[in-house]
Amino acid sequence: MSDRQEQSRHPRTPLRDHVASSISRYLRDLDGCGVSDLHAVVMREVEVPLFVEVLSHCDGNQSRAAEMLGIHRATLRKKLREYGIDNS
């Protein structure tokens, strides 16, 4: 059986469903405690592993990673510095 046939037999859960589940769990875990600036928290928590994994997938090549992410390489470099991600 080909990979494509195997994938069609086992449909993948969309990324948004995983995110929704994680956000819901996070909000429940707050247990009544407030949170502010949730958007910034979520973006930081998502961007760091996204950049790390894409850079790893691209063998550290920032130009390829930026292209894959759909952002300018300068933007990627800025974000890597902001998050303290070492790409050496």
Protein backbone atom coordinates (compact mmCIF):
# COMPACT_ATOMS: atom_id res chain seq x y z
CA MET A 1 0.00 0.00 0.00
CA SER A 2 1.37 3.42 -0.93
CA ASP A 3 1.82 6.25 1.57
CA ARG A 4 -0.99 8.17 -0.12
CA GLN A 5 -3.40 5.23 0.24
CA GLU A 6 -2.39 4.82 3.88
CA GLN A 7 -3.02 8.52 4.55
CA SER A 8 -6.48 8.39 2.97
CA ARG A 9 -7.41 5.48 5.24
CA HIS A 10 -6.27 7.45 8.31
CA PRO A 11 -7.28 11.07 7.83
CA ARG A 12 -5.08 13.52 9.68
CA THR A 13 -6.54 15.78 12.31
CA PRO A 14 -6.23 19.39 11.14
CA LEU A 15 -3.68 21.49 13.03
CA ARG A 16 -6.43 23.91 14.07
CA ASP A 17 -8.16 21.09 15.96
CA HIS A 18 -4.98 20.37 17.92
CA VAL A 19 -4.60 24.08 18.68
CA ALA A 20 -8.24 24.42 19.76
CA SER A 21 -7.89 21.43 22.07
CA SER A 22 -4.71 22.82 23.61
CA ILE A 23 -6.21 26.29 24.12
CA SER A 24 -9.32 24.79 25.71
CA ARG A 25 -7.18 22.67 28.07
CA TYR A 26 -5.01 25.70 28.94
CA LEU A 27 -8.06 27.81 29.79
CA ARG A 28 -9.48 25.00 31.97
CA ASP A 29 -6.14 24.63 33.72
CA LEU A 30 -6.22 28.32 34.66
CA ASP A 31 -8.94 27.25 37.09
CA GLY A 32 -10.50 30.70 37.35
CA CYS A 33 -7.26 32.66 37.33
CA GLY A 34 -7.20 35.52 34.89
CA VAL A 35 -4.86 35.85 31.98
CA SER A 36 -4.04 38.93 29.97
CA ASP A 37 -2.43 39.26 26.57
CA LEU A 38 -3.37 35.69 25.65
CA HIS A 39 -2.67 36.39 21.99
CA ALA A 40 0.98 37.26 22.69
CA VAL A 41 1.35 34.22 24.94
CA VAL A 42 -0.06 31.88 22.30
CA MET A 43 2.01 33.39 19.49
CA ARG A 44 5.22 33.03 21.49
CA GLU A 45 4.38 29.47 22.52
CA VAL A 46 3.59 28.49 18.93
CA GLU A 47 6.31 30.42 17.10
CA VAL A 48 9.25 29.06 19.08
CA PRO A 49 8.66 25.36 18.33
CA LEU A 50 7.49 26.24 14.80
CA PHE A 51 10.76 28.04 14.02
CA VAL A 52 12.89 25.38 15.72
CA GLU A 53 11.23 22.52 13.85
CA VAL A 54 11.21 24.25 10.46
CA LEU A 55 14.87 25.24 10.84
CA SER A 56 15.73 21.67 11.76
CA HIS A 57 13.76 20.41 8.76
CA CYS A 58 15.73 22.83 6.55
CA ASP A 59 19.06 21.80 8.11
CA GLY A 60 19.48 25.28 9.60
CA ASN A 61 19.16 27.07 6.27
CA GLN A 62 17.37 30.30 7.20
CA SER A 63 16.54 31.25 3.63
CA ARG A 64 14.79 27.92 3.02
CA ALA A 65 13.08 28.07 6.42
CA ALA A 66 11.81 31.62 5.78
CA GLU A 67 10.49 30.56 2.38
CA MET A 68 8.74 27.57 3.91
CA LEU A 69 7.25 29.78 6.63
CA GLY A 70 6.17 32.39 4.08
CA ILE A 71 8.08 35.20 5.79
CA HIS A 72 11.09 37.30 4.84
CA ARG A 73 14.47 36.00 6.02
CA ALA A 74 15.09 39.25 7.92
CA THR A 75 11.83 38.72 9.81
CA LEU A 76 12.88 35.18 10.69
CA ARG A 77 16.28 36.38 11.89
CA LYS A 78 14.63 39.09 14.01
CA LYS A 79 12.27 36.56 15.60
CA LEU A 80 15.12 34.13 16.28
CA ARG A 81 16.98 36.91 18.12
CA GLU A 82 13.83 37.93 20.04
CA TYR A 83 13.24 34.38 21.22
CA GLY A 84 16.91 33.64 21.86
CA ILE A 85 16.92 30.75 19.41
CA ASP A 86 20.48 29.83 18.50
CA ASN A 87 20.68 28.67 14.91
CA SER A 88 24.38 28.01 14.68
